């Protein structure tokens, strides 16, 4: 039986989501194959969630009474920093502990929305026009407004739609930029693309990249914001009601992105369908994994129960 450290918690506003994700993983991991332990990561405080017992950072071991537990794999259920942004993976690599997500470089790159777009530009991936603004820099509103209205303003290295604003008037632009600074020191200003929103997970299974069934997202809110993602204010249709040609285009794009970014684990790619072309929005290297989240919906549509799906991610991580 393998010991699995489910990494949860974190230091960002996404901590509350991570704690829920960690619980979902523990509830669904097959108990006949794994001993699962929730490891809450918060700053320098790393401890087992149930007992409060500290993690020995020399080798990531855990002492529970007279027993010393050494882990076979770390399951990535921590959204935001310090895992989704790649900070922790270098440590895990140094001690030789496999983990179920992208490595530090890829995680750091994909957490940075604008740098990911710059990285992918030479590949000809269709994307919205965008600009990067750093806190403290002068804001050239005239130049930004040349992209047209509405605009999206979002934190560059933060997830779960915290700090995101859809800007409809020129007067709303500066307040929207100010709304980013509690979450990030960089803001992405992105042109609006009229179209339908889709999401598609991909992972490596047996050495081959597999794209899961595609999901269409129809938010009740202005866009796919926090309420739409986590408070049930969206309709998510899996598999999406699109033609076989469009489905194939989306899945092929997801596999292309997965390979181009050198991803590991399951990664969710978000798109806007403009006309007959999928435009890339962003990559989520530790996507939501509650039963109602998009990737678990896609896993079930693929014919996998959550426990088997999570076990697959562990097997792939240990086998690398």
Protein backbone atom coordinates (compact mmCIF):
# COMPACT_ATOMS: atom_id res chain seq x y z
CA UNK A 1 0.00 0.00 0.00
CA UNK A 2 1.41 3.38 -1.03
CA UNK A 3 1.49 6.48 1.17
CA UNK A 4 0.14 9.55 -0.62
CA UNK A 5 0.68 13.12 0.58
CA UNK A 6 -2.23 15.22 -0.67
CA UNK A 7 -0.83 18.75 -0.90
CA UNK A 8 -3.49 21.30 0.01
CA UNK A 9 -3.90 24.77 1.52
CA UNK A 10 -1.41 27.27 0.16
CA UNK A 11 -0.70 30.95 0.63
CA UNK A 12 -3.02 32.66 -1.85
CA UNK A 13 -6.69 33.61 -1.95
CA UNK A 14 -7.28 30.22 -3.58
CA UNK A 15 -6.49 28.48 -0.27
CA UNK A 16 -10.19 27.91 0.48
CA UNK A 17 -10.57 26.09 -2.87
CA UNK A 18 -7.44 24.02 -2.26
CA UNK A 19 -8.70 22.77 1.10
CA UNK A 20 -11.89 21.53 -0.57
CA UNK A 21 -9.96 19.90 -3.41
CA UNK A 22 -7.72 18.06 -0.96
CA UNK A 23 -10.73 16.63 0.84
CA UNK A 24 -12.21 15.40 -2.44
CA UNK A 25 -8.99 13.57 -3.33
CA UNK A 26 -8.81 11.89 0.08
CA UNK A 27 -12.45 10.83 -0.08
CA UNK A 28 -12.09 9.22 -3.50
CA UNK A 29 -8.64 7.62 -3.48
CA UNK A 30 -9.09 3.82 -3.34
CA UNK A 31 -8.49 2.87 0.30
CA UNK A 32 -7.30 -0.61 -0.66
CA UNK A 33 -4.38 0.88 -2.61
CA UNK A 34 -3.42 4.06 -0.77
CA UNK A 35 -3.00 5.58 2.68
CA UNK A 36 -3.89 9.21 2.07
CA UNK A 37 -2.73 12.09 4.27
CA UNK A 38 -3.82 15.72 3.88
CA UNK A 39 -0.73 17.92 4.13
CA UNK A 40 -1.59 21.57 4.73
CA UNK A 41 1.06 23.89 3.26
CA UNK A 42 0.96 27.46 4.56
CA UNK A 43 4.14 29.49 4.51
CA UNK A 44 6.81 27.61 6.45
CA UNK A 45 4.14 25.67 8.36
CA UNK A 46 3.71 22.24 6.74
CA UNK A 47 1.63 19.85 8.80
CA UNK A 48 -0.74 16.91 8.63
CA UNK A 49 -4.23 18.41 8.64
CA UNK A 50 -5.94 16.02 11.06
CA UNK A 51 -3.35 15.85 13.83
CA UNK A 52 -1.29 18.99 13.27
CA UNK A 53 1.86 16.84 13.22
CA UNK A 54 4.64 18.71 11.40
CA UNK A 55 6.33 17.56 8.21
CA UNK A 56 10.08 17.03 8.52
CA UNK A 57 11.32 19.18 5.65
CA UNK A 58 14.64 17.31 5.50
CA UNK A 59 12.93 14.42 3.73
CA UNK A 60 9.18 15.27 3.75
CA UNK A 61 8.49 12.55 6.29
CA UNK A 62 5.75 12.57 8.90
CA UNK A 63 5.91 11.20 12.44
CA UNK A 64 2.58 10.02 13.85
CA UNK A 65 3.19 8.60 17.30
CA UNK A 66 5.85 5.93 17.00
CA UNK A 67 5.38 5.61 13.23
CA UNK A 68 7.48 7.51 10.68
CA UNK A 69 5.62 7.81 7.38
CA UNK A 70 7.55 8.23 4.15
CA UNK A 71 5.57 9.12 1.08
CA UNK A 72 5.54 7.46 -2.32
CA UNK A 73 3.90 10.37 -4.17
CA UNK A 74 2.59 13.90 -3.63
CA UNK A 75 -0.87 14.53 -5.08
CA UNK A 76 -1.25 18.11 -6.30
CA UNK A 77 -4.46 19.60 -4.88
CA UNK A 78 -3.02 23.01 -4.04
CA UNK A 79 -4.22 25.82 -6.29
CA UNK A 80 -2.10 28.96 -6.49
CA UNK A 81 1.15 29.49 -4.60
CA UNK A 82 3.42 27.70 -3.70
CA UNK A 83 2.60 24.71 -5.94
CA UNK A 84 0.69 25.85 -9.01
CA UNK A 85 3.29 28.58 -9.53
CA UNK A 86 6.14 26.04 -9.39
CA UNK A 87 7.88 27.11 -6.20
CA UNK A 88 7.58 23.78 -4.42
CA UNK A 89 8.46 21.39 -7.22
CA UNK A 90 12.19 22.09 -7.05
CA UNK A 91 12.18 20.90 -3.44
CA UNK A 92 10.19 17.79 -4.36
CA UNK A 93 12.63 17.06 -7.20
CA UNK A 94 15.61 17.44 -4.86
CA UNK A 95 14.29 14.88 -2.38
CA UNK A 96 13.10 12.56 -5.16
CA UNK A 97 9.38 12.62 -4.35
CA UNK A 98 7.16 12.16 -7.45
CA UNK A 99 4.22 14.54 -7.85
CA UNK A 100 1.10 14.59 -10.02
CA UNK A 101 1.52 17.97 -11.72
CA UNK A 102 3.82 19.93 -14.02
CA UNK A 103 7.41 20.62 -12.98
CA UNK A 104 8.53 23.94 -11.54
CA UNK A 105 9.45 25.58 -14.83
CA UNK A 106 6.23 24.69 -16.64
CA UNK A 107 4.10 25.57 -13.60
CA UNK A 108 5.82 28.94 -13.22
CA UNK A 109 5.41 29.67 -16.92
CA UNK A 110 1.75 28.72 -17.20
CA UNK A 111 0.84 30.56 -13.98
CA UNK A 112 2.03 33.68 -15.79
CA UNK A 113 -0.76 34.26 -18.31
CA UNK A 114 1.05 36.81 -20.47
CA UNK A 115 4.38 34.95 -20.56
CA UNK A 116 2.51 31.81 -21.63
CA UNK A 117 0.99 33.73 -24.52
CA UNK A 118 4.39 35.09 -25.53
CA UNK A 119 5.85 31.57 -25.35
CA UNK A 120 3.09 30.18 -27.59
CA UNK A 121 3.02 33.05 -30.12
CA UNK A 122 5.65 31.52 -32.47
CA UNK A 123 3.48 28.41 -32.77
CA UNK A 124 0.67 30.42 -34.34
CA UNK A 125 -1.85 29.62 -31.59
CA UNK A 126 -4.91 31.90 -32.00
CA UNK A 127 -5.20 34.18 -28.94
CA UNK A 128 -6.75 37.50 -27.95
CA UNK A 129 -4.70 40.68 -28.16
CA UNK A 130 -3.33 41.61 -24.75
CA UNK A 131 -0.93 43.86 -22.87
CA UNK A 132 1.00 43.53 -19.61
CA UNK A 133 1.02 46.27 -16.99
CA UNK A 134 3.24 46.27 -13.88
CA UNK A 135 2.21 47.94 -10.64
CA UNK A 136 3.66 51.43 -10.40
CA UNK A 137 4.07 51.89 -14.15
CA UNK A 138 2.24 54.76 -15.88
CA UNK A 139 -1.01 53.61 -17.51
CA UNK A 140 -1.48 54.64 -21.14
CA UNK A 141 -5.26 54.29 -21.24
CA UNK A 142 -5.44 55.60 -24.81
CA UNK A 143 -3.18 52.82 -26.08
CA UNK A 144 -4.99 50.16 -24.06
CA UNK A 145 -8.36 51.31 -25.32
CA UNK A 146 -7.14 50.86 -28.90
CA UNK A 147 -7.85 47.15 -28.35
CA UNK A 148 -11.52 48.15 -28.14
CA UNK A 149 -14.22 47.66 -25.53
CA UNK A 150 -15.10 45.65 -23.64
CA UNK A 151 -11.74 44.64 -22.14
CA UNK A 152 -10.85 42.07 -19.53
CA UNK A 153 -8.47 43.08 -16.77
CA UNK A 154 -7.07 40.25 -14.68
CA UNK A 155 -4.18 39.41 -12.35
CA UNK A 156 -1.35 37.95 -14.39
CA UNK A 157 -0.35 35.19 -11.95
CA UNK A 158 -3.49 34.42 -10.00
CA UNK A 159 -6.40 32.04 -10.56
CA UNK A 160 -10.04 31.35 -9.68
CA UNK A 161 -11.04 34.71 -11.25
CA UNK A 162 -10.04 36.73 -8.18
CA UNK A 163 -9.52 40.36 -9.20
CA UNK A 164 -10.94 39.94 -12.73
CA UNK A 165 -13.10 42.71 -14.20
CA UNK A 166 -14.93 43.03 -17.48
CA UNK A 167 -14.46 46.67 -18.49
CA UNK A 168 -17.30 48.12 -20.57
CA UNK A 169 -16.52 51.85 -20.47
CA UNK A 170 -13.30 53.86 -20.61
CA UNK A 171 -14.00 55.22 -17.14
CA UNK A 172 -14.01 51.72 -15.69
CA UNK A 173 -10.50 50.85 -16.90
CA UNK A 174 -8.39 52.44 -14.15
CA UNK A 175 -10.58 51.12 -11.29
CA UNK A 176 -10.37 47.65 -12.85
CA UNK A 177 -6.57 47.87 -12.91
CA UNK A 178 -6.56 48.98 -9.27
CA UNK A 179 -8.70 45.93 -8.40
CA UNK A 180 -5.84 43.68 -9.53
CA UNK A 181 -3.21 44.97 -7.07
CA UNK A 182 -4.49 43.17 -3.94
CA UNK A 183 -3.82 39.91 -5.79
CA UNK A 184 -0.84 40.54 -8.06
CA UNK A 185 1.88 43.01 -9.04
CA UNK A 186 1.10 42.52 -12.74
CA UNK A 187 -2.12 42.99 -14.67
CA UNK A 188 -3.11 41.58 -18.04
CA UNK A 189 -5.40 43.73 -20.16
CA UNK A 190 -7.00 41.53 -22.79
CA UNK A 191 -9.28 42.25 -25.74
CA UNK A 192 -12.78 40.80 -25.54
CA UNK A 193 -13.52 37.98 -27.98
CA UNK A 194 -17.19 37.43 -28.85
CA UNK A 195 -17.88 33.74 -28.86
CA UNK A 196 -18.67 30.62 -26.85
CA UNK A 197 -16.47 29.45 -23.98
CA UNK A 198 -15.05 25.95 -23.80
CA UNK A 199 -12.65 23.99 -21.62
CA UNK A 200 -10.74 20.79 -22.26
CA UNK A 201 -8.54 18.67 -20.02
CA UNK A 202 -5.57 16.66 -21.23
CA UNK A 203 -3.21 14.18 -19.57
CA UNK A 204 -0.66 11.57 -20.43
CA UNK A 205 -1.85 7.96 -20.17
CA UNK A 206 0.58 5.14 -20.91
CA UNK A 207 3.00 7.56 -22.54
CA UNK A 208 0.40 9.07 -24.89
CA UNK A 209 -1.30 12.45 -24.52
CA UNK A 210 -5.07 12.07 -24.31
CA UNK A 211 -7.59 14.90 -24.57
CA UNK A 212 -10.74 14.38 -22.50
CA UNK A 213 -14.27 15.20 -23.72
CA UNK A 214 -14.85 18.93 -24.29
CA UNK A 215 -17.00 21.08 -21.98
CA UNK A 216 -18.97 24.17 -22.99
CA UNK A 217 -19.34 26.76 -20.23
CA UNK A 218 -22.42 28.99 -20.22
CA UNK A 219 -22.13 31.37 -17.23
CA UNK A 220 -25.16 33.09 -15.74
CA UNK A 221 -22.84 35.93 -14.77
CA UNK A 222 -21.05 38.39 -17.08
CA UNK A 223 -18.22 35.91 -17.54
CA UNK A 224 -16.87 32.72 -15.95
CA UNK A 225 -16.08 34.41 -12.62
CA UNK A 226 -15.77 33.06 -9.06
CA UNK A 227 -19.53 32.76 -8.60
CA UNK A 228 -19.91 30.92 -11.89
CA UNK A 229 -17.03 28.57 -11.06
CA UNK A 230 -17.74 27.76 -7.42
CA UNK A 231 -21.28 28.82 -6.58
CA UNK A 232 -23.12 26.95 -9.32
CA UNK A 233 -23.90 30.02 -11.41
CA UNK A 234 -23.02 28.45 -14.72
CA UNK A 235 -24.18 25.70 -17.00
CA UNK A 236 -21.44 23.27 -17.96
CA UNK A 237 -22.27 20.87 -20.77
CA UNK A 238 -20.06 17.77 -21.01
CA UNK A 239 -19.61 16.57 -23.66
CA UNK A 240 -20.19 19.83 -25.48
CA UNK A 241 -22.87 19.99 -28.16
CA UNK A 242 -20.56 20.76 -31.07
CA UNK A 243 -19.79 19.13 -34.39
CA UNK A 244 -17.25 16.29 -34.60
CA UNK A 245 -14.96 18.62 -36.56
CA UNK A 246 -14.99 21.30 -33.84
CA UNK A 247 -14.55 18.68 -31.11
CA UNK A 248 -11.56 17.26 -32.94
CA UNK A 249 -10.06 20.73 -33.44
CA UNK A 250 -10.36 21.54 -29.73
CA UNK A 251 -8.89 18.21 -28.59
CA UNK A 252 -6.04 18.40 -31.09
CA UNK A 253 -5.26 21.93 -29.87
CA UNK A 254 -5.21 20.70 -26.27
CA UNK A 255 -2.80 17.89 -27.13
CA UNK A 256 -0.62 20.34 -29.07
CA UNK A 257 -0.51 22.74 -26.11
CA UNK A 258 0.18 19.94 -23.64
CA UNK A 259 3.17 18.78 -25.68
CA UNK A 260 4.43 22.28 -26.52
CA UNK A 261 4.40 23.32 -22.86
CA UNK A 262 5.87 19.95 -21.75
CA UNK A 263 3.03 19.39 -19.27
CA UNK A 264 2.61 16.60 -16.74
CA UNK A 265 -0.46 15.43 -14.84
CA UNK A 266 -3.85 16.70 -15.89
CA UNK A 267 -4.01 20.21 -17.36
CA UNK A 268 -7.14 22.11 -18.34
CA UNK A 269 -7.03 24.45 -21.33
CA UNK A 270 -9.65 27.20 -21.70
CA UNK A 271 -10.82 28.57 -25.04
CA UNK A 272 -13.18 31.00 -26.73
CA UNK A 273 -14.69 29.70 -29.95
CA UNK A 274 -14.82 32.62 -32.39
CA UNK A 275 -16.48 31.54 -35.61
CA UNK A 276 -15.00 28.11 -36.27
CA UNK A 277 -11.67 28.69 -34.52
CA UNK A 278 -10.76 27.96 -30.90
CA UNK A 279 -8.77 30.81 -29.35
CA UNK A 280 -6.58 29.89 -26.38
CA UNK A 281 -7.25 31.73 -23.10
CA UNK A 282 -5.07 30.08 -20.46
CA UNK A 283 -3.72 26.81 -19.08
CA UNK A 284 -4.64 25.52 -15.60
CA UNK A 285 -1.99 23.07 -14.40
CA UNK A 286 -3.84 22.22 -11.16
CA UNK A 287 -7.48 22.49 -12.22
CA UNK A 288 -10.42 22.24 -9.87
CA UNK A 289 -11.11 18.65 -8.84
CA UNK A 290 -14.32 18.77 -6.82
CA UNK A 291 -16.96 16.34 -8.16
CA UNK A 292 -18.73 19.27 -9.84
CA UNK A 293 -15.55 20.73 -11.36
CA UNK A 294 -14.94 20.62 -15.09
CA UNK A 295 -12.12 18.07 -15.26
CA UNK A 296 -13.95 15.49 -13.09
CA UNK A 297 -17.00 15.97 -15.34
CA UNK A 298 -14.81 15.23 -18.33
CA UNK A 299 -13.21 12.22 -16.62
CA UNK A 300 -16.65 10.74 -15.94
CA UNK A 301 -17.67 11.42 -19.55
CA UNK A 302 -14.54 9.49 -20.54
CA UNK A 303 -15.89 6.57 -18.50
CA UNK A 304 -13.65 6.98 -15.42
CA UNK A 305 -14.80 7.29 -11.82
CA UNK A 306 -12.91 9.83 -9.71
CA UNK A 307 -11.04 7.24 -7.67
CA UNK A 308 -9.74 5.50 -10.78
CA UNK A 309 -8.90 8.85 -12.36
CA UNK A 310 -6.89 9.99 -9.35
CA UNK A 311 -5.13 6.62 -9.18
CA UNK A 312 -4.22 7.00 -12.85
CA UNK A 313 -2.53 10.33 -12.13
CA UNK A 314 -0.56 8.78 -9.27
CA UNK A 315 0.53 5.80 -11.39
CA UNK A 316 1.67 8.11 -14.16
CA UNK A 317 3.63 10.28 -11.72
CA UNK A 318 5.37 7.35 -10.04
CA UNK A 319 6.15 5.73 -13.38
CA UNK A 320 7.93 8.80 -14.82
